[in-house]
């Protein structure tokens, strides 16, 4: 078996790196276009939280909401700049924006503080 900690370290160092957990398992985003997925969710979740990696666990979100976010919403930009497309589903947004939509739907978020827009003086 390979060492998960090496992939987690890569994810902590790349802009947008994170662990996404859903009903079908987890996906670790550790570089642009590079992911690692499996089903041993509890072990991976614990390792990522301990390493300080951002973790988004959407298993507690109602299925229709999480399906809408995953299918119609934008993707998180990992290792690349955010990009807008006419179809929102093909757009890439900053991880903070992507996480905000999952947080609003009720997902469990770890190692990513909630960002509040400050009023401009």
C-alpha atoms as a PDB file:
ATOM      1  CA  UNK A   1       0.000   0.000   0.000  1.00  0.00           C
ATOM      2  CA  UNK A   2       1.203   3.506  -0.769  1.00  0.00           C
ATOM      3  CA  UNK A   3       1.775   6.267   1.767  1.00  0.00           C
ATOM      4  CA  UNK A   4      -1.260   8.575   1.948  1.00  0.00           C
ATOM      5  CA  UNK A   5       0.675  11.204   3.904  1.00  0.00           C
ATOM      6  CA  UNK A   6       2.751  12.116   0.835  1.00  0.00           C
ATOM      7  CA  UNK A   7      -0.391  12.930  -1.144  1.00  0.00           C
ATOM      8  CA  UNK A   8      -1.846  14.861   1.793  1.00  0.00           C
ATOM      9  CA  UNK A   9       1.374  16.909   2.066  1.00  0.00           C
ATOM     10  CA  UNK A  10       1.100  17.769  -1.642  1.00  0.00           C
ATOM     11  CA  UNK A  11      -2.527  18.838  -1.136  1.00  0.00           C
ATOM     12  CA  UNK A  12      -1.606  21.138   1.760  1.00  0.00           C
ATOM     13  CA  UNK A  13       0.945  22.908  -0.442  1.00  0.00           C
ATOM     14  CA  UNK A  14      -1.174  23.540  -3.532  1.00  0.00           C
ATOM     15  CA  UNK A  15      -3.651  26.400  -3.833  1.00  0.00           C
ATOM     16  CA  UNK A  16      -7.114  24.904  -3.554  1.00  0.00           C
ATOM     17  CA  UNK A  17      -5.944  21.502  -2.310  1.00  0.00           C
ATOM     18  CA  UNK A  18      -8.630  19.779  -0.244  1.00  0.00           C
ATOM     19  CA  UNK A  19     -10.397  16.555   0.661  1.00  0.00           C
ATOM     20  CA  UNK A  20     -13.983  16.205  -0.517  1.00  0.00           C
ATOM     21  CA  UNK A  21     -16.100  13.510   1.125  1.00  0.00           C
ATOM     22  CA  UNK A  22     -19.420  12.345  -0.234  1.00  0.00           C
ATOM     23  CA  UNK A  23     -21.708   9.368  -0.121  1.00  0.00           C
ATOM     24  CA  UNK A  24     -19.554   7.452  -2.615  1.00  0.00           C
ATOM     25  CA  UNK A  25     -16.219   7.882  -0.832  1.00  0.00           C
ATOM     26  CA  UNK A  26     -13.605  10.590  -0.813  1.00  0.00           C
ATOM     27  CA  UNK A  27     -11.562  12.520  -3.350  1.00  0.00           C
ATOM     28  CA  UNK A  28      -8.261  14.157  -2.427  1.00  0.00           C
ATOM     29  CA  UNK A  29      -7.381  17.067  -4.739  1.00  0.00           C
ATOM     30  CA  UNK A  30      -3.588  17.439  -4.556  1.00  0.00           C
ATOM     31  CA  UNK A  31      -2.570  19.128  -7.842  1.00  0.00           C
ATOM     32  CA  UNK A  32      -4.159  20.530 -10.976  1.00  0.00           C
ATOM     33  CA  UNK A  33      -5.962  17.617 -12.591  1.00  0.00           C
ATOM     34  CA  UNK A  34      -4.644  15.180  -9.973  1.00  0.00           C
ATOM     35  CA  UNK A  35      -6.910  13.380  -7.544  1.00  0.00           C
ATOM     36  CA  UNK A  36      -6.892  10.303  -5.364  1.00  0.00           C
ATOM     37  CA  UNK A  37     -10.122   8.575  -4.425  1.00  0.00           C
ATOM     38  CA  UNK A  38     -11.102   5.665  -2.208  1.00  0.00           C
ATOM     39  CA  UNK A  39     -13.689   4.490   0.325  1.00  0.00           C
ATOM     40  CA  UNK A  40     -11.758   4.378   3.636  1.00  0.00           C
ATOM     41  CA  UNK A  41     -13.294   7.707   4.601  1.00  0.00           C
ATOM     42  CA  UNK A  42     -12.739   7.812   8.366  1.00  0.00           C
ATOM     43  CA  UNK A  43      -8.992   7.159   8.196  1.00  0.00           C
ATOM     44  CA  UNK A  44      -8.413   9.673   5.403  1.00  0.00           C
ATOM     45  CA  UNK A  45     -10.610  12.318   7.031  1.00  0.00           C
ATOM     46  CA  UNK A  46      -8.670  12.017  10.292  1.00  0.00           C
ATOM     47  CA  UNK A  47      -5.261  12.182   8.552  1.00  0.00           C
ATOM     48  CA  UNK A  48      -6.266  15.270   6.549  1.00  0.00           C
ATOM     49  CA  UNK A  49      -7.736  17.140   9.504  1.00  0.00           C
ATOM     50  CA  UNK A  50      -4.606  16.414  11.566  1.00  0.00           C
ATOM     51  CA  UNK A  51      -2.416  17.666   8.701  1.00  0.00           C
ATOM     52  CA  UNK A  52      -4.385  20.941   8.533  1.00  0.00           C
ATOM     53  CA  UNK A  53      -5.841  20.216   5.104  1.00  0.00           C
ATOM     54  CA  UNK A  54      -9.240  21.652   4.209  1.00  0.00           C
ATOM     55  CA  UNK A  55     -11.917  18.957   4.464  1.00  0.00           C
ATOM     56  CA  UNK A  56     -15.462  19.202   3.108  1.00  0.00           C
ATOM     57  CA  UNK A  57     -17.790  16.399   4.205  1.00  0.00           C
ATOM     58  CA  UNK A  58     -21.131  16.605   2.408  1.00  0.00           C
ATOM     59  CA  UNK A  59     -22.590  13.276   3.549  1.00  0.00           C
ATOM     60  CA  UNK A  60     -24.942  15.108   5.921  1.00  0.00           C
ATOM     61  CA  UNK A  61     -26.336  17.380   3.179  1.00  0.00           C
ATOM     62  CA  UNK A  62     -29.688  16.341   1.673  1.00  0.00           C
ATOM     63  CA  UNK A  63     -29.060  14.414  -1.528  1.00  0.00           C
ATOM     64  CA  UNK A  64     -30.923  16.824  -3.813  1.00  0.00           C
ATOM     65  CA  UNK A  65     -28.891  19.795  -2.565  1.00  0.00           C
ATOM     66  CA  UNK A  66     -25.511  18.117  -2.860  1.00  0.00           C
ATOM     67  CA  UNK A  67     -26.418  16.739  -6.291  1.00  0.00           C
ATOM     68  CA  UNK A  68     -27.339  20.240  -7.466  1.00  0.00           C
ATOM     69  CA  UNK A  69     -24.051  21.648  -6.154  1.00  0.00           C
ATOM     70  CA  UNK A  70     -21.994  18.878  -7.723  1.00  0.00           C
ATOM     71  CA  UNK A  71     -23.764  18.789 -11.089  1.00  0.00           C
ATOM     72  CA  UNK A  72     -24.746  22.424 -11.688  1.00  0.00           C
ATOM     73  CA  UNK A  73     -22.333  24.364  -9.519  1.00  0.00           C
ATOM     74  CA  UNK A  74     -18.782  25.380 -10.372  1.00  0.00           C
ATOM     75  CA  UNK A  75     -15.731  23.283  -9.541  1.00  0.00           C
ATOM     76  CA  UNK A  76     -12.999  24.259  -7.098  1.00  0.00           C
ATOM     77  CA  UNK A  77      -9.858  25.602  -8.749  1.00  0.00           C
ATOM     78  CA  UNK A  78      -6.936  23.429  -7.608  1.00  0.00           C
ATOM     79  CA  UNK A  79      -3.456  24.473  -8.659  1.00  0.00           C
ATOM     80  CA  UNK A  80      -4.870  26.863 -11.242  1.00  0.00           C
ATOM     81  CA  UNK A  81      -6.543  30.259 -11.382  1.00  0.00           C
ATOM     82  CA  UNK A  82     -10.339  30.508 -11.206  1.00  0.00           C
ATOM     83  CA  UNK A  83     -11.945  30.539 -14.672  1.00  0.00           C
ATOM     84  CA  UNK A  84     -15.458  31.595 -15.638  1.00  0.00           C
ATOM     85  CA  UNK A  85     -17.406  29.772 -18.353  1.00  0.00           C
ATOM     86  CA  UNK A  86     -20.871  30.531 -19.638  1.00  0.00           C
ATOM     87  CA  UNK A  87     -21.987  27.222 -18.164  1.00  0.00           C
ATOM     88  CA  UNK A  88     -21.423  27.536 -14.422  1.00  0.00           C
ATOM     89  CA  UNK A  89     -20.824  23.770 -14.211  1.00  0.00           C
ATOM     90  CA  UNK A  90     -17.644  24.178 -16.280  1.00  0.00           C
ATOM     91  CA  UNK A  91     -16.342  27.141 -14.274  1.00  0.00           C
ATOM     92  CA  UNK A  92     -13.614  27.006 -11.640  1.00  0.00           C
ATOM     93  CA  UNK A  93     -13.867  29.194  -8.542  1.00  0.00           C
ATOM     94  CA  UNK A  94     -11.565  29.834  -5.602  1.00  0.00           C
ATOM     95  CA  UNK A  95     -11.809  27.158  -2.923  1.00  0.00           C
ATOM     96  CA  UNK A  96     -13.252  29.660  -0.412  1.00  0.00           C
ATOM     97  CA  UNK A  97     -16.181  30.406  -2.739  1.00  0.00           C
ATOM     98  CA  UNK A  98     -16.748  26.704  -3.469  1.00  0.00           C
ATOM     99  CA  UNK A  99     -16.648  25.834   0.238  1.00  0.00           C
ATOM    100  CA  UNK A 100     -19.070  28.658   1.070  1.00  0.00           C
ATOM    101  CA  UNK A 101     -21.746  27.032  -1.106  1.00  0.00           C
ATOM    102  CA  UNK A 102     -21.263  23.665   0.606  1.00  0.00           C
ATOM    103  CA  UNK A 103     -21.195  25.293   4.039  1.00  0.00           C
ATOM    104  CA  UNK A 104     -24.481  27.064   3.269  1.00  0.00           C
ATOM    105  CA  UNK A 105     -26.000  23.700   2.301  1.00  0.00           C
ATOM    106  CA  UNK A 106     -24.972  22.249   5.681  1.00  0.00           C
ATOM    107  CA  UNK A 107     -21.740  20.378   4.933  1.00  0.00           C
ATOM    108  CA  UNK A 108     -19.175  19.806   7.675  1.00  0.00           C
ATOM    109  CA  UNK A 109     -16.122  21.988   6.993  1.00  0.00           C
ATOM    110  CA  UNK A 110     -12.747  21.524   8.680  1.00  0.00           C
ATOM    111  CA  UNK A 111      -9.591  23.684   8.616  1.00  0.00           C
ATOM    112  CA  UNK A 112     -11.274  26.435   6.606  1.00  0.00           C
ATOM    113  CA  UNK A 113     -12.611  29.368   8.593  1.00  0.00           C
ATOM    114  CA  UNK A 114     -15.767  31.052   7.413  1.00  0.00           C
ATOM    115  CA  UNK A 115     -14.994  34.182   5.416  1.00  0.00           C
ATOM    116  CA  UNK A 116     -17.164  37.239   5.941  1.00  0.00           C
ATOM    117  CA  UNK A 117     -16.958  40.132   3.520  1.00  0.00           C
ATOM    118  CA  UNK A 118     -15.893  43.266   5.337  1.00  0.00           C
ATOM    119  CA  UNK A 119     -17.761  46.452   4.423  1.00  0.00           C
ATOM    120  CA  UNK A 120     -15.666  48.886   2.432  1.00  0.00           C
ATOM    121  CA  UNK A 121     -15.105  52.142   4.332  1.00  0.00           C
END
